[in-house]
Structure formats: C-alpha cells, structure tokens
Full PDB file with SEQRES, HELIX, SHEET, SSBOND, CRYST1, ORIGX, SCALE, CONECT and MASTER records, all heavy atoms in Angstrom:
SEQRES   1 A   39  VAL LEU ILE ASN GLY PHE ASN VAL ILE VAL MET ARG ALA          
SEQRES   2 A   39  PHE PHE MET GLU LEU PRO GLU GLU LEU PHE GLU SER ALA          
SEQRES   3 A   39  ARG ILE ASP GLY ALA SER GLU PHE HIS VAL LEU THR ARG          
HELIX    1 AA1 GLY A    5  MET A   16  1                                  12    
HELIX    2 AA2 GLU A   20  ILE A   28  1                                   9    
HELIX    3 AA3 GLU A   33  THR A   38  1                                   6    
CRYST1    1.000    1.000    1.000  90.00  90.00  90.00 P 1           1          
ORIGX1      1.000000  0.000000  0.000000        0.00000                         
ORIGX2      0.000000  1.000000  0.000000        0.00000                         
ORIGX3      0.000000  0.000000  1.000000        0.00000                         
SCALE1      1.000000  0.000000  0.000000        0.00000                         
SCALE2      0.000000  1.000000  0.000000        0.00000                         
SCALE3      0.000000  0.000000  1.000000        0.00000                         
ATOM      1  N   VAL A   1      50.566  48.440  85.419  1.00  0.00           N  
ATOM      2  CA  VAL A   1      49.945  48.327  84.088  1.00  0.00           C  
ATOM      3  C   VAL A   1      49.644  46.871  83.763  1.00  0.00           C  
ATOM      4  O   VAL A   1      49.594  46.478  82.592  1.00  0.00           O  
ATOM      5  CB  VAL A   1      50.866  48.939  83.012  1.00  0.00           C  
ATOM      6  CG1 VAL A   1      50.965  50.438  83.195  1.00  0.00           C  
ATOM      7  CG2 VAL A   1      52.259  48.301  83.041  1.00  0.00           C  
ATOM      8  N   LEU A   2      49.410  46.071  84.798  1.00  0.00           N  
ATOM      9  CA  LEU A   2      49.223  44.634  84.587  1.00  0.00           C  
ATOM     10  C   LEU A   2      47.995  44.338  83.746  1.00  0.00           C  
ATOM     11  O   LEU A   2      48.018  43.456  82.875  1.00  0.00           O  
ATOM     12  CB  LEU A   2      49.114  43.932  85.943  1.00  0.00           C  
ATOM     13  CG  LEU A   2      49.046  42.404  85.903  1.00  0.00           C  
ATOM     14  CD1 LEU A   2      50.349  41.830  85.380  1.00  0.00           C  
ATOM     15  CD2 LEU A   2      48.749  41.841  87.293  1.00  0.00           C  
ATOM     16  N   ILE A   3      46.897  45.056  83.972  1.00  0.00           N  
ATOM     17  CA  ILE A   3      45.643  44.806  83.257  1.00  0.00           C  
ATOM     18  C   ILE A   3      45.216  46.082  82.560  1.00  0.00           C  
ATOM     19  O   ILE A   3      45.161  47.152  83.172  1.00  0.00           O  
ATOM     20  CB  ILE A   3      44.542  44.329  84.219  1.00  0.00           C  
ATOM     21  CG1 ILE A   3      44.926  42.979  84.840  1.00  0.00           C  
ATOM     22  CG2 ILE A   3      43.211  44.194  83.491  1.00  0.00           C  
ATOM     23  CD1 ILE A   3      43.902  42.445  85.817  1.00  0.00           C  
ATOM     24  N   ASN A   4      44.920  45.969  81.291  1.00  0.00           N  
ATOM     25  CA  ASN A   4      44.413  47.078  80.500  1.00  0.00           C  
ATOM     26  C   ASN A   4      42.928  46.869  80.260  1.00  0.00           C  
ATOM     27  O   ASN A   4      42.512  45.805  79.778  1.00  0.00           O  
ATOM     28  CB  ASN A   4      45.167  47.166  79.169  1.00  0.00           C  
ATOM     29  CG  ASN A   4      44.705  48.327  78.313  1.00  0.00           C  
ATOM     30  OD1 ASN A   4      43.715  48.241  77.598  1.00  0.00           O  
ATOM     31  ND2 ASN A   4      45.435  49.423  78.386  1.00  0.00           N  
ATOM     32  N   GLY A   5      42.112  47.879  80.616  1.00  0.00           N  
ATOM     33  CA  GLY A   5      40.663  47.736  80.506  1.00  0.00           C  
ATOM     34  C   GLY A   5      40.189  47.465  79.090  1.00  0.00           C  
ATOM     35  O   GLY A   5      39.273  46.667  78.874  1.00  0.00           O  
ATOM     36  N   PHE A   6      40.806  48.115  78.114  1.00  0.00           N  
ATOM     37  CA  PHE A   6      40.407  47.905  76.722  1.00  0.00           C  
ATOM     38  C   PHE A   6      40.655  46.461  76.292  1.00  0.00           C  
ATOM     39  O   PHE A   6      39.807  45.841  75.637  1.00  0.00           O  
ATOM     40  CB  PHE A   6      41.173  48.867  75.819  1.00  0.00           C  
ATOM     41  CG  PHE A   6      40.921  48.657  74.358  1.00  0.00           C  
ATOM     42  CD1 PHE A   6      39.756  49.125  73.761  1.00  0.00           C  
ATOM     43  CD2 PHE A   6      41.842  47.982  73.571  1.00  0.00           C  
ATOM     44  CE1 PHE A   6      39.517  48.922  72.405  1.00  0.00           C  
ATOM     45  CE2 PHE A   6      41.619  47.779  72.221  1.00  0.00           C  
ATOM     46  CZ  PHE A   6      40.451  48.252  71.638  1.00  0.00           C  
ATOM     47  N   ASN A   7      41.801  45.907  76.668  1.00  0.00           N  
ATOM     48  CA  ASN A   7      42.098  44.517  76.318  1.00  0.00           C  
ATOM     49  C   ASN A   7      41.137  43.554  76.988  1.00  0.00           C  
ATOM     50  O   ASN A   7      40.762  42.527  76.403  1.00  0.00           O  
ATOM     51  CB  ASN A   7      43.536  44.183  76.696  1.00  0.00           C  
ATOM     52  CG  ASN A   7      44.551  44.956  75.885  1.00  0.00           C  
ATOM     53  OD1 ASN A   7      44.252  45.420  74.789  1.00  0.00           O  
ATOM     54  ND2 ASN A   7      45.748  45.115  76.418  1.00  0.00           N  
ATOM     55  N   VAL A   8      40.727  43.869  78.211  1.00  0.00           N  
ATOM     56  CA  VAL A   8      39.740  43.023  78.907  1.00  0.00           C  
ATOM     57  C   VAL A   8      38.417  43.023  78.157  1.00  0.00           C  
ATOM     58  O   VAL A   8      37.794  41.973  77.960  1.00  0.00           O  
ATOM     59  CB  VAL A   8      39.562  43.499  80.365  1.00  0.00           C  
ATOM     60  CG1 VAL A   8      38.409  42.745  81.029  1.00  0.00           C  
ATOM     61  CG2 VAL A   8      40.837  43.305  81.154  1.00  0.00           C  
ATOM     62  N   ILE A   9      37.966  44.187  77.720  1.00  0.00           N  
ATOM     63  CA  ILE A   9      36.693  44.281  77.004  1.00  0.00           C  
ATOM     64  C   ILE A   9      36.764  43.523  75.684  1.00  0.00           C  
ATOM     65  O   ILE A   9      35.813  42.821  75.296  1.00  0.00           O  
ATOM     66  CB  ILE A   9      36.324  45.756  76.776  1.00  0.00           C  
ATOM     67  CG1 ILE A   9      36.139  46.471  78.121  1.00  0.00           C  
ATOM     68  CG2 ILE A   9      35.060  45.869  75.940  1.00  0.00           C  
ATOM     69  CD1 ILE A   9      35.085  45.871  79.001  1.00  0.00           C  
ATOM     70  N   VAL A  10      37.878  43.656  74.969  1.00  0.00           N  
ATOM     71  CA  VAL A  10      38.030  42.946  73.689  1.00  0.00           C  
ATOM     72  C   VAL A  10      38.003  41.437  73.895  1.00  0.00           C  
ATOM     73  O   VAL A  10      37.299  40.707  73.183  1.00  0.00           O  
ATOM     74  CB  VAL A  10      39.337  43.381  72.998  1.00  0.00           C  
ATOM     75  CG1 VAL A  10      39.622  42.508  71.775  1.00  0.00           C  
ATOM     76  CG2 VAL A  10      39.267  44.839  72.578  1.00  0.00           C  
ATOM     77  N   MET A  11      38.738  40.946  74.880  1.00  0.00           N  
ATOM     78  CA  MET A  11      38.773  39.508  75.121  1.00  0.00           C  
ATOM     79  C   MET A  11      37.442  39.001  75.658  1.00  0.00           C  
ATOM     80  O   MET A  11      37.001  37.897  75.316  1.00  0.00           O  
ATOM     81  CB  MET A  11      39.911  39.174  76.092  1.00  0.00           C  
ATOM     82  CG  MET A  11      40.210  37.692  76.191  1.00  0.00           C  
ATOM     83  SD  MET A  11      41.713  37.334  77.136  1.00  0.00           S  
ATOM     84  CE  MET A  11      42.973  37.916  75.997  1.00  0.00           C  
ATOM     85  N   ARG A  12      36.782  39.787  76.482  1.00  0.00           N  
ATOM     86  CA  ARG A  12      35.456  39.399  76.982  1.00  0.00           C  
ATOM     87  C   ARG A  12      34.466  39.263  75.838  1.00  0.00           C  
ATOM     88  O   ARG A  12      33.674  38.303  75.791  1.00  0.00           O  
ATOM     89  CB  ARG A  12      34.955  40.433  77.995  1.00  0.00           C  
ATOM     90  CG  ARG A  12      33.507  40.226  78.446  1.00  0.00           C  
ATOM     91  CD  ARG A  12      33.094  41.306  79.426  1.00  0.00           C  
ATOM     92  NE  ARG A  12      31.697  41.170  79.805  1.00  0.00           N  
ATOM     93  CZ  ARG A  12      30.682  41.754  79.169  1.00  0.00           C  
ATOM     94  NH1 ARG A  12      30.934  42.523  78.096  1.00  0.00           N  
ATOM     95  NH2 ARG A  12      29.440  41.585  79.579  1.00  0.00           N  
ATOM     96  N   ALA A  13      34.484  40.217  74.905  1.00  0.00           N  
ATOM     97  CA  ALA A  13      33.585  40.143  73.753  1.00  0.00           C  
ATOM     98  C   ALA A  13      33.871  38.896  72.920  1.00  0.00           C  
ATOM     99  O   ALA A  13      32.942  38.253  72.402  1.00  0.00           O  
ATOM    100  CB  ALA A  13      33.720  41.401  72.902  1.00  0.00           C  
ATOM    101  N   PHE A  14      35.131  38.538  72.790  1.00  0.00           N  
ATOM    102  CA  PHE A  14      35.470  37.322  72.037  1.00  0.00           C  
ATOM    103  C   PHE A  14      34.943  36.080  72.739  1.00  0.00           C  
ATOM    104  O   PHE A  14      34.381  35.184  72.098  1.00  0.00           O  
ATOM    105  CB  PHE A  14      36.984  37.232  71.870  1.00  0.00           C  
ATOM    106  CG  PHE A  14      37.437  36.025  71.095  1.00  0.00           C  
ATOM    107  CD1 PHE A  14      37.515  36.064  69.717  1.00  0.00           C  
ATOM    108  CD2 PHE A  14      37.785  34.864  71.750  1.00  0.00           C  
ATOM    109  CE1 PHE A  14      37.930  34.955  69.001  1.00  0.00           C  
ATOM    110  CE2 PHE A  14      38.199  33.749  71.045  1.00  0.00           C  
ATOM    111  CZ  PHE A  14      38.273  33.791  69.671  1.00  0.00           C  
ATOM    112  N   PHE A  15      35.111  36.007  74.058  1.00  0.00           N  
ATOM    113  CA  PHE A  15      34.631  34.846  74.806  1.00  0.00           C  
ATOM    114  C   PHE A  15      33.106  34.725  74.733  1.00  0.00           C  
ATOM    115  O   PHE A  15      32.564  33.615  74.687  1.00  0.00           O  
ATOM    116  CB  PHE A  15      35.070  34.931  76.267  1.00  0.00           C  
ATOM    117  CG  PHE A  15      36.548  34.735  76.465  1.00  0.00           C  
ATOM    118  CD1 PHE A  15      37.188  35.230  77.598  1.00  0.00           C  
ATOM    119  CD2 PHE A  15      37.305  34.068  75.523  1.00  0.00           C  
ATOM    120  CE1 PHE A  15      38.545  35.059  77.778  1.00  0.00           C  
ATOM    121  CE2 PHE A  15      38.683  33.889  75.699  1.00  0.00           C  
ATOM    122  CZ  PHE A  15      39.291  34.382  76.824  1.00  0.00           C  
ATOM    123  N   MET A  16      32.416  35.863  74.728  1.00  0.00           N  
ATOM    124  CA  MET A  16      30.960  35.841  74.671  1.00  0.00           C  
ATOM    125  C   MET A  16      30.452  35.375  73.313  1.00  0.00           C  
ATOM    126  O   MET A  16      29.299  34.925  73.203  1.00  0.00           O  
ATOM    127  CB  MET A  16      30.402  37.223  74.997  1.00  0.00           C  
ATOM    128  CG  MET A  16      30.655  37.671  76.423  1.00  0.00           C  
ATOM    129  SD  MET A  16      29.990  39.307  76.791  1.00  0.00           S  
ATOM    130  CE  MET A  16      28.233  38.990  76.671  1.00  0.00           C  
ATOM    131  N   GLU A  17      31.286  35.466  72.268  1.00  0.00           N  
ATOM    132  CA  GLU A  17      30.889  35.008  70.943  1.00  0.00           C  
ATOM    133  C   GLU A  17      31.062  33.508  70.768  1.00  0.00           C  
ATOM    134  O   GLU A  17      30.582  32.947  69.780  1.00  0.00           O  
ATOM    135  CB  GLU A  17      31.698  35.745  69.875  1.00  0.00           C  
ATOM    136  CG  GLU A  17      31.378  37.230  69.767  1.00  0.00           C  
ATOM    137  CD  GLU A  17      29.961  37.481  69.288  1.00  0.00           C  
ATOM    138  OE1 GLU A  17      29.463  36.667  68.490  1.00  0.00           O  
ATOM    139  OE2 GLU A  17      29.356  38.477  69.717  1.00  0.00           O  
ATOM    140  N   LEU A  18      31.743  32.849  71.687  1.00  0.00           N  
ATOM    141  CA  LEU A  18      31.908  31.401  71.580  1.00  0.00           C  
ATOM    142  C   LEU A  18      30.563  30.711  71.755  1.00  0.00           C  
ATOM    143  O   LEU A  18      29.748  31.125  72.581  1.00  0.00           O  
ATOM    144  CB  LEU A  18      32.897  30.905  72.632  1.00  0.00           C  
ATOM    145  CG  LEU A  18      34.353  31.367  72.477  1.00  0.00           C  
ATOM    146  CD1 LEU A  18      35.199  30.862  73.635  1.00  0.00           C  
ATOM    147  CD2 LEU A  18      34.926  30.884  71.155  1.00  0.00           C  
ATOM    148  N   PRO A  19      30.284  29.666  70.988  1.00  0.00           N  
ATOM    149  CA  PRO A  19      28.985  28.973  71.079  1.00  0.00           C  
ATOM    150  C   PRO A  19      28.730  28.420  72.476  1.00  0.00           C  
ATOM    151  O   PRO A  19      29.603  27.800  73.086  1.00  0.00           O  
ATOM    152  CB  PRO A  19      29.103  27.847  70.052  1.00  0.00           C  
ATOM    153  CG  PRO A  19      30.170  28.292  69.111  1.00  0.00           C  
ATOM    154  CD  PRO A  19      31.137  29.102  69.929  1.00  0.00           C  
ATOM    155  N   GLU A  20      27.553  28.662  72.992  1.00  0.00           N  
ATOM    156  CA  GLU A  20      27.187  28.186  74.319  1.00  0.00           C  
ATOM    157  C   GLU A  20      27.139  26.670  74.387  1.00  0.00           C  
ATOM    158  O   GLU A  20      27.292  26.082  75.465  1.00  0.00           O  
ATOM    159  CB  GLU A  20      25.831  28.784  74.711  1.00  0.00           C  
ATOM    160  CG  GLU A  20      25.448  28.592  76.164  1.00  0.00           C  
ATOM    161  CD  GLU A  20      26.403  29.296  77.122  1.00  0.00           C  
ATOM    162  OE1 GLU A  20      26.955  30.347  76.726  1.00  0.00           O  
ATOM    163  OE2 GLU A  20      26.590  28.793  78.248  1.00  0.00           O  
ATOM    164  N   GLU A  21      26.947  26.025  73.230  1.00  0.00           N  
ATOM    165  CA  GLU A  21      26.905  24.563  73.213  1.00  0.00           C  
ATOM    166  C   GLU A  21      28.208  23.946  73.705  1.00  0.00           C  
ATOM    167  O   GLU A  21      28.202  22.860  74.300  1.00  0.00           O  
ATOM    168  CB  GLU A  21      26.607  24.053  71.797  1.00  0.00           C  
ATOM    169  CG  GLU A  21      25.201  24.328  71.311  1.00  0.00           C  
ATOM    170  CD  GLU A  21      25.063  25.728  70.747  1.00  0.00           C  
ATOM    171  OE1 GLU A  21      26.039  26.516  70.831  1.00  0.00           O  
ATOM    172  OE2 GLU A  21      23.980  26.043  70.212  1.00  0.00           O  
ATOM    173  N   LEU A  22      29.316  24.625  73.460  1.00  0.00           N  
ATOM    174  CA  LEU A  22      30.606  24.118  73.930  1.00  0.00           C  
ATOM    175  C   LEU A  22      30.647  24.059  75.449  1.00  0.00           C  
ATOM    176  O   LEU A  22      31.103  23.065  76.031  1.00  0.00           O  
ATOM    177  CB  LEU A  22      31.736  25.015  73.415  1.00  0.00           C  
ATOM    178  CG  LEU A  22      32.020  24.997  71.909  1.00  0.00           C  
ATOM    179  CD1 LEU A  22      33.049  26.048  71.561  1.00  0.00           C  
ATOM    180  CD2 LEU A  22      32.485  23.626  71.476  1.00  0.00           C  
ATOM    181  N   PHE A  23      30.165  25.106  76.101  1.00  0.00           N  
ATOM    182  CA  PHE A  23      30.184  25.146  77.568  1.00  0.00           C  
ATOM    183  C   PHE A  23      29.188  24.151  78.155  1.00  0.00           C  
ATOM    184  O   PHE A  23      29.478  23.490  79.155  1.00  0.00           O  
ATOM    185  CB  PHE A  23      29.863  26.563  78.037  1.00  0.00           C  
ATOM    186  CG  PHE A  23      30.818  27.606  77.526  1.00  0.00           C  
ATOM    187  CD1 PHE A  23      30.518  28.368  76.407  1.00  0.00           C  
ATOM    188  CD2 PHE A  23      32.031  27.822  78.160  1.00  0.00           C  
ATOM    189  CE1 PHE A  23      31.397  29.319  75.932  1.00  0.00           C  
ATOM    190  CE2 PHE A  23      32.912  28.780  77.702  1.00  0.00           C  
ATOM    191  CZ  PHE A  23      32.603  29.526  76.576  1.00  0.00           C  
ATOM    192  N   GLU A  24      28.026  24.046  77.529  1.00  0.00           N  
ATOM    193  CA  GLU A  24      27.023  23.120  78.041  1.00  0.00           C  
ATOM    194  C   GLU A  24      27.489  21.670  77.937  1.00  0.00           C  
ATOM    195  O   GLU A  24      27.317  20.885  78.882  1.00  0.00           O  
ATOM    196  CB  GLU A  24      25.719  23.314  77.266  1.00  0.00           C  
ATOM    197  CG  GLU A  24      25.052  24.664  77.510  1.00  0.00           C  
ATOM    198  CD  GLU A  24      23.802  24.844  76.684  1.00  0.00           C  
ATOM    199  OE1 GLU A  24      23.495  23.935  75.865  1.00  0.00           O  
ATOM    200  OE2 GLU A  24      23.120  25.880  76.833  1.00  0.00           O  
ATOM    201  N   SER A  25      28.090  21.308  76.816  1.00  0.00           N  
ATOM    202  CA  SER A  25      28.570  19.933  76.655  1.00  0.00           C  
ATOM    203  C   SER A  25      29.706  19.636  77.627  1.00  0.00           C  
ATOM    204  O   SER A  25      29.795  18.520  78.158  1.00  0.00           O  
ATOM    205  CB  SER A  25      29.033  19.711  75.223  1.00  0.00           C  
ATOM    206  OG  SER A  25      30.097  20.596  74.892  1.00  0.00           O  
ATOM    207  N   ALA A  26      30.563  20.633  77.889  1.00  0.00           N  
ATOM    208  CA  ALA A  26      31.659  20.424  78.841  1.00  0.00           C  
ATOM    209  C   ALA A  26      31.128  20.251  80.260  1.00  0.00           C  
ATOM    210  O   ALA A  26      31.621  19.402  81.012  1.00  0.00           O  
ATOM    211  CB  ALA A  26      32.630  21.594  78.777  1.00  0.00           C  
ATOM    212  N   ARG A  27      30.111  21.031  80.629  1.00  0.00           N  
ATOM    213  CA  ARG A  27      29.545  20.903  81.976  1.00  0.00           C  
ATOM    214  C   ARG A  27      28.807  19.583  82.135  1.00  0.00           C  
ATOM    215  O   ARG A  27      28.797  18.994  83.224  1.00  0.00           O  
ATOM    216  CB  ARG A  27      28.617  22.080  82.251  1.00  0.00           C  
ATOM    217  CG  ARG A  27      29.343  23.429  82.325  1.00  0.00           C  
ATOM    218  CD  ARG A  27      28.435  24.527  82.822  1.00  0.00           C  
ATOM    219  NE  ARG A  27      29.106  25.834  82.820  1.00  0.00           N  
ATOM    220  CZ  ARG A  27      29.023  26.713  81.846  1.00  0.00           C  
ATOM    221  NH1 ARG A  27      28.262  26.445  80.777  1.00  0.00           N  
ATOM    222  NH2 ARG A  27      29.686  27.850  81.908  1.00  0.00           N  
ATOM    223  N   ILE A  28      28.171  19.098  81.074  1.00  0.00           N  
ATOM    224  CA  ILE A  28      27.505  17.792  81.143  1.00  0.00           C  
ATOM    225  C   ILE A  28      28.526  16.692  81.412  1.00  0.00           C  
ATOM    226  O   ILE A  28      28.246  15.726  82.142  1.00  0.00           O  
ATOM    227  CB  ILE A  28      26.732  17.528  79.835  1.00  0.00           C  
ATOM    228  CG1 ILE A  28      25.544  18.484  79.739  1.00  0.00           C  
ATOM    229  CG2 ILE A  28      26.254  16.082  79.761  1.00  0.00           C  
ATOM    230  CD1 ILE A  28      24.785  18.370  78.422  1.00  0.00           C  
ATOM    231  N   ASP A  29      29.718  16.849  80.834  1.00  0.00           N  
ATOM    232  CA  ASP A  29      30.778  15.868  81.061  1.00  0.00           C  
ATOM    233  C   ASP A  29      31.461  16.042  82.405  1.00  0.00           C  
ATOM    234  O   ASP A  29      32.398  15.299  82.726  1.00  0.00           O  
ATOM    235  CB  ASP A  29      31.827  15.967  79.952  1.00  0.00           C  
ATOM    236  CG  ASP A  29      31.265  15.537  78.601  1.00  0.00           C  
ATOM    237  OD1 ASP A  29      30.273  14.778  78.597  1.00  0.00           O  
ATOM    238  OD2 ASP A  29      31.808  15.971  77.565  1.00  0.00           O  
ATOM    239  N   GLY A  30      31.041  17.051  83.183  1.00  0.00           N  
ATOM    240  CA  GLY A  30      31.581  17.238  84.524  1.00  0.00           C  
ATOM    241  C   GLY A  30      32.810  18.114  84.599  1.00  0.00           C  
ATOM    242  O   GLY A  30      33.521  18.096  85.617  1.00  0.00           O  
ATOM    243  N   ALA A  31      33.077  18.893  83.577  1.00  0.00           N  
ATOM    244  CA  ALA A  31      34.259  19.755  83.580  1.00  0.00           C  
ATOM    245  C   ALA A  31      34.014  20.977  84.458  1.00  0.00           C  
ATOM    246  O   ALA A  31      32.920  21.560  84.454  1.00  0.00           O  
ATOM    247  CB  ALA A  31      34.596  20.197  82.160  1.00  0.00           C  
ATOM    248  N   SER A  32      35.020  21.360  85.202  1.00  0.00           N  
ATOM    249  CA  SER A  32      34.936  22.568  86.018  1.00  0.00           C  
ATOM    250  C   SER A  32      35.208  23.790  85.150  1.00  0.00           C  
ATOM    251  O   SER A  32      35.609  23.681  83.990  1.00  0.00           O  
ATOM    252  CB  SER A  32      35.955  22.500  87.157  1.00  0.00           C  
ATOM    253  OG  SER A  32      37.275  22.446  86.640  1.00  0.00           O  
ATOM    254  N   GLU A  33      34.992  24.974  85.730  1.00  0.00           N  
ATOM    255  CA  GLU A  33      35.233  26.192  84.967  1.00  0.00           C  
ATOM    256  C   GLU A  33      36.698  26.327  84.575  1.00  0.00           C  
ATOM    257  O   GLU A  33      37.009  26.817  83.486  1.00  0.00           O  
ATOM    258  CB  GLU A  33      34.806  27.417  85.789  1.00  0.00           C  
ATOM    259  CG  GLU A  33      33.310  27.556  85.976  1.00  0.00           C  
ATOM    260  CD  GLU A  33      32.588  27.854  84.672  1.00  0.00           C  
ATOM    261  OE1 GLU A  33      33.249  28.326  83.718  1.00  0.00           O  
ATOM    262  OE2 GLU A  33      31.382  27.597  84.593  1.00  0.00           O  
ATOM    263  N   PHE A  34      37.593  25.882  85.456  1.00  0.00           N  
ATOM    264  CA  PHE A  34      39.019  25.952  85.133  1.00  0.00           C  
ATOM    265  C   PHE A  34      39.355  25.068  83.944  1.00  0.00           C  
ATOM    266  O   PHE A  34      40.105  25.462  83.049  1.00  0.00           O  
ATOM    267  CB  PHE A  34      39.852  25.541  86.353  1.00  0.00           C  
ATOM    268  CG  PHE A  34      41.336  25.549  86.100  1.00  0.00           C  
ATOM    269  CD1 PHE A  34      42.036  26.749  86.071  1.00  0.00           C  
ATOM    270  CD2 PHE A  34      42.027  24.363  85.883  1.00  0.00           C  
ATOM    271  CE1 PHE A  34      43.408  26.761  85.839  1.00  0.00           C  
ATOM    272  CE2 PHE A  34      43.394  24.376  85.642  1.00  0.00           C  
ATOM    273  CZ  PHE A  34      44.081  25.575  85.626  1.00  0.00           C  
ATOM    274  N   HIS A  35      38.793  23.850  83.919  1.00  0.00           N  
ATOM    275  CA  HIS A  35      39.048  22.951  82.800  1.00  0.00           C  
ATOM    276  C   HIS A  35      38.382  23.459  81.515  1.00  0.00           C  
ATOM    277  O   HIS A  35      38.926  23.286  80.422  1.00  0.00           O  
ATOM    278  CB  HIS A  35      38.549  21.540  83.129  1.00  0.00           C  
ATOM    279  CG  HIS A  35      39.403  20.814  84.107  1.00  0.00           C  
ATOM    280  ND1 HIS A  35      39.227  20.925  85.469  1.00  0.00           N  
ATOM    281  CD2 HIS A  35      40.463  19.979  83.934  1.00  0.00           C  
ATOM    282  CE1 HIS A  35      40.123  20.168  86.095  1.00  0.00           C  
ATOM    283  NE2 HIS A  35      40.890  19.587  85.183  1.00  0.00           N  
ATOM    284  N   VAL A  36      37.218  24.095  81.640  1.00  0.00           N  
ATOM    285  CA  VAL A  36      36.577  24.670  80.462  1.00  0.00           C  
ATOM    286  C   VAL A  36      37.460  25.768  79.873  1.00  0.00           C  
ATOM    287  O   VAL A  36      37.638  25.865  78.646  1.00  0.00           O  
ATOM    288  CB  VAL A  36      35.186  25.233  80.829  1.00  0.00           C  
ATOM    289  CG1 VAL A  36      34.603  26.028  79.659  1.00  0.00           C  
ATOM    290  CG2 VAL A  36      34.245  24.099  81.209  1.00  0.00           C  
ATOM    291  N   LEU A  37      38.037  26.585  80.754  1.00  0.00           N  
ATOM    292  CA  LEU A  37      38.885  27.680  80.287  1.00  0.00           C  
ATOM    293  C   LEU A  37      40.158  27.161  79.645  1.00  0.00           C  
ATOM    294  O   LEU A  37      40.548  27.619  78.559  1.00  0.00           O  
ATOM    295  CB  LEU A  37      39.220  28.608  81.458  1.00  0.00           C  
ATOM    296  CG  LEU A  37      40.232  29.734  81.179  1.00  0.00           C  
ATOM    297  CD1 LEU A  37      39.703  30.676  80.105  1.00  0.00           C  
ATOM    298  CD2 LEU A  37      40.545  30.493  82.459  1.00  0.00           C  
ATOM    299  N   THR A  38      40.829  26.214  80.293  1.00  0.00           N  
ATOM    300  CA  THR A  38      42.148  25.787  79.823  1.00  0.00           C  
ATOM    301  C   THR A  38      42.075  24.794  78.664  1.00  0.00           C  
ATOM    302  O   THR A  38      42.970  24.779  77.804  1.00  0.00           O  
ATOM    303  CB  THR A  38      42.923  25.149  80.986  1.00  0.00           C  
ATOM    304  OG1 THR A  38      42.147  24.073  81.561  1.00  0.00           O  
ATOM    305  CG2 THR A  38      43.221  26.185  82.058  1.00  0.00           C  
ATOM    306  N   ARG A  39      41.024  23.967  78.612  1.00  0.00           N  
ATOM    307  CA  ARG A  39      40.976  22.908  77.603  1.00  0.00           C  
ATOM    308  C   ARG A  39      40.043  23.201  76.432  1.00  0.00           C  
ATOM    309  O   ARG A  39      40.141  22.532  75.399  1.00  0.00           O  
ATOM    310  CB  ARG A  39      40.550  21.588  78.263  1.00  0.00           C  
ATOM    311  CG  ARG A  39      41.534  21.105  79.316  1.00  0.00           C  
ATOM    312  CD  ARG A  39      41.159  19.745  79.852  1.00  0.00           C  
ATOM    313  NE  ARG A  39      42.101  19.281  80.862  1.00  0.00           N  
ATOM    314  CZ  ARG A  39      42.034  18.097  81.466  1.00  0.00           C  
ATOM    315  NH1 ARG A  39      41.039  17.258  81.153  1.00  0.00           N  
ATOM    316  NH2 ARG A  39      42.934  17.760  82.365  1.00  0.00           N  
TER     317      ARG A  39                                                      
MASTER        0    0    0    3    0    0    0    6  316    1    0    3          
END                                                                             
C-alpha cells in the first residue's frame, strides 16, 4: 500500500497548478529537476 492512486492524482493536480514562471526561472538559473522539487 506504498502508493495510493488517488493521492497521486491529488498531488499531481496541485503541482500542475503551480505557476510555470517558478520552474522557468529556476531552470534559467541552472537548477536541476531534483533541486526544483526540493527547493
């Protein structure tokens, strides 16, 4: 029961609502996907 599909969908929808400008500015600064996720 490590991963629940409903919880994945809820969290995915939340991540998709985050402004894309945040990811673009982080990538311009050279941040990797791991650093974007954690920081």
